[in-house]
Amino acid sequence: MGLTLSEFLPYRLNCLSEAMSQEIKPIYRDHFGLNRPEWRVLVALADLGTATAKEIGVHSAQHKTRISRAVRALEQRRWLTRDPDPEDRRSEMLSLTAAGHRAYCDLVGPMRDREARILERLSPEERQALGEALGALERALGLAPTRGTDP
């Protein structure tokens, strides 16, 4: 029994993930000057409010070194602040500044529009099936669903 890469689920999901990322890349890169880890940290902090880099890593599925670089870049833009974590002196609590919140709000519309244009390529039944399948995979792998079953 062999392995055909084009039929191997992890490979297919990775290819889809990369294709989706390429679809939205012009928005965060060209319009906002962000790279992938930076926009993910920005959105994660908008989701979480105040969080540690470790919490952002779990929430955004990113490695700590990428988060560290993204945090520095967003801090240089004055889009986030760092405060000591009162419970762990080795850690910092990160939060968006008013400028960071504005940037996030400016990013949301174009990102959601692009997502909608991608999903419009599917029938309503396919969108429903996709949401259900992603939810089922998340549950099977012990991941907390990132949202409801509607992709």
Protein backbone atom coordinates (compact mmCIF):
# COMPACT_ATOMS: atom_id res chain seq x y z
CA MET A 1 0.00 0.00 0.00
CA GLY A 2 1.51 3.28 -1.13
CA LEU A 3 0.87 6.91 -0.48
CA THR A 4 -0.33 9.29 -3.18
CA LEU A 5 0.47 12.80 -2.05
CA SER A 6 -2.44 14.41 -3.91
CA GLU A 7 -4.85 12.11 -2.05
CA PHE A 8 -3.24 12.45 1.40
CA LEU A 9 -5.51 14.55 3.64
CA PRO A 10 -2.78 16.48 5.53
CA TYR A 11 -1.18 17.45 2.22
CA ARG A 12 -4.52 18.50 0.70
CA LEU A 13 -5.41 20.60 3.75
CA ASN A 14 -1.99 22.23 3.69
CA CYS A 15 -2.37 23.10 0.00
CA LEU A 16 -5.82 24.55 0.64
CA SER A 17 -4.54 26.55 3.59
CA GLU A 18 -1.71 28.00 1.53
CA ALA A 19 -4.04 28.84 -1.38
CA MET A 20 -6.45 30.59 1.00
CA SER A 21 -3.57 32.52 2.54
CA GLN A 22 -2.42 33.64 -0.90
CA GLU A 23 -5.96 34.88 -1.64
CA ILE A 24 -5.98 37.17 1.38
CA LYS A 25 -2.28 38.12 1.35
CA PRO A 26 -2.75 41.23 -0.82
CA ILE A 27 -5.09 42.67 1.78
CA TYR A 28 -2.85 42.45 4.81
CA ARG A 29 0.43 42.93 2.91
CA ASP A 30 -0.35 45.55 0.28
CA HIS A 31 -2.99 47.56 2.12
CA PHE A 32 -1.65 47.31 5.67
CA GLY A 33 2.05 46.41 5.28
CA LEU A 34 1.71 43.35 7.50
CA ASN A 35 3.11 39.87 7.15
CA ARG A 36 1.19 36.70 8.04
CA PRO A 37 2.30 36.42 11.71
CA GLU A 38 1.65 40.14 12.28
CA TRP A 39 -1.93 40.11 11.01
CA ARG A 40 -2.63 36.93 12.98
CA VAL A 41 -1.30 38.48 16.20
CA LEU A 42 -3.33 41.63 15.55
CA VAL A 43 -6.53 39.64 15.07
CA ALA A 44 -5.76 37.29 17.97
CA LEU A 45 -5.35 40.24 20.32
CA ALA A 46 -8.61 41.72 19.06
CA ASP A 47 -10.25 38.35 19.82
CA LEU A 48 -8.61 37.83 23.21
CA GLY A 49 -8.31 41.36 24.55
CA THR A 50 -5.26 41.18 26.77
CA ALA A 51 -3.11 38.06 26.41
CA THR A 52 0.37 36.66 26.79
CA ALA A 53 2.44 35.67 23.78
CA LYS A 54 1.91 32.03 24.76
CA GLU A 55 -1.88 32.50 24.74
CA ILE A 56 -1.64 34.18 21.34
CA GLY A 57 0.39 31.22 20.10
CA VAL A 58 -2.28 28.76 21.17
CA HIS A 59 -5.08 30.94 19.78
CA SER A 60 -3.40 31.59 16.42
CA ALA A 61 -1.50 28.31 15.99
CA GLN A 62 1.85 30.06 15.58
CA HIS A 63 5.34 29.35 16.88
CA LYS A 64 6.64 31.58 19.67
CA THR A 65 9.50 33.01 17.59
CA ARG A 66 7.08 34.22 14.92
CA ILE A 67 4.88 35.75 17.60
CA SER A 68 7.86 37.47 19.21
CA ARG A 69 8.87 39.11 15.93
CA ALA A 70 5.29 40.08 15.16
CA VAL A 71 4.85 41.60 18.62
CA ARG A 72 8.00 43.71 18.14
CA ALA A 73 6.79 44.91 14.73
CA LEU A 74 3.31 45.79 16.02
CA GLU A 75 4.83 47.52 19.03
CA GLN A 76 7.02 49.63 16.72
CA ARG A 77 3.86 50.72 14.90
CA ARG A 78 2.38 51.55 18.31
CA TRP A 79 -0.44 49.07 17.70
CA LEU A 80 0.14 47.11 20.91
CA THR A 81 1.50 47.61 24.38
CA ARG A 82 3.33 45.31 26.78
CA ASP A 83 2.74 45.29 30.52
CA PRO A 84 4.27 42.98 33.12
CA ASP A 85 2.19 39.92 33.92
CA PRO A 86 1.39 40.24 37.63
CA GLU A 87 1.21 36.45 37.96
CA ASP A 88 4.42 35.60 36.06
CA ARG A 89 7.33 38.06 35.93
CA ARG A 90 8.82 36.19 32.95
CA SER A 91 5.76 36.98 30.86
CA GLU A 92 4.10 40.11 29.52
CA MET A 93 0.48 41.00 28.98
CA LEU A 94 -0.09 42.29 25.47
CA SER A 95 -3.00 44.42 24.35
CA LEU A 96 -3.95 46.54 21.38
CA THR A 97 -3.68 50.30 21.54
CA ALA A 98 -6.38 52.57 20.11
CA ALA A 99 -4.35 52.70 16.88
CA GLY A 100 -4.13 48.90 16.89
CA HIS A 101 -7.90 48.63 17.29
CA ARG A 102 -8.39 51.05 14.39
CA ALA A 103 -6.04 49.00 12.22
CA TYR A 104 -7.92 45.84 13.16
CA CYS A 105 -11.28 47.46 12.33
CA ASP A 106 -9.89 48.62 8.98
CA LEU A 107 -8.66 45.10 8.24
CA VAL A 108 -11.86 43.23 9.13
CA GLY A 109 -14.05 44.44 6.26
CA PRO A 110 -11.68 43.63 3.40
CA MET A 111 -10.75 40.26 4.93
CA ARG A 112 -14.42 39.26 5.39
CA ASP A 113 -15.22 40.46 1.86
CA ARG A 114 -12.44 38.28 0.43
CA GLU A 115 -13.59 35.31 2.48
CA ALA A 116 -17.15 35.81 1.20
CA ARG A 117 -15.92 35.96 -2.42
CA ILE A 118 -14.05 32.69 -1.92
CA LEU A 119 -17.04 30.99 -0.33
CA GLU A 120 -19.36 32.24 -3.07
CA ARG A 121 -17.57 29.78 -5.34
CA LEU A 122 -19.33 27.02 -3.38
CA SER A 123 -23.02 26.19 -3.36
CA PRO A 124 -24.93 26.70 -0.08
CA GLU A 125 -24.90 22.92 0.39
CA GLU A 126 -21.13 22.79 -0.14
CA ARG A 127 -20.58 25.63 2.37
CA GLN A 128 -22.70 23.77 4.93
CA ALA A 129 -20.84 20.51 4.29
CA LEU A 130 -17.49 22.30 4.55
CA GLY A 131 -18.42 23.81 7.91
CA GLU A 132 -19.59 20.46 9.22
CA ALA A 133 -16.50 18.66 7.96
CA LEU A 134 -14.14 21.22 9.47
CA GLY A 135 -15.99 21.02 12.78
CA ALA A 136 -15.81 17.23 12.72
CA LEU A 137 -12.05 17.30 12.04
CA GLU A 138 -11.50 19.86 14.80
CA ARG A 139 -13.39 17.67 17.26
CA ALA A 140 -11.59 14.51 16.10
CA LEU A 141 -8.22 16.18 16.64
CA GLY A 142 -9.20 17.71 19.96
CA LEU A 143 -9.14 21.28 18.71
CA ALA A 144 -11.53 23.86 19.99
CA PRO A 145 -13.61 25.04 17.06
CA THR A 146 -12.58 28.54 16.05
CA ARG A 147 -16.22 29.35 15.25
CA GLY A 148 -19.56 27.77 14.39
CA THR A 149 -20.18 25.30 11.63
CA ASP A 150 -20.78 27.98 8.99
CA PRO A 151 -17.46 28.49 7.18
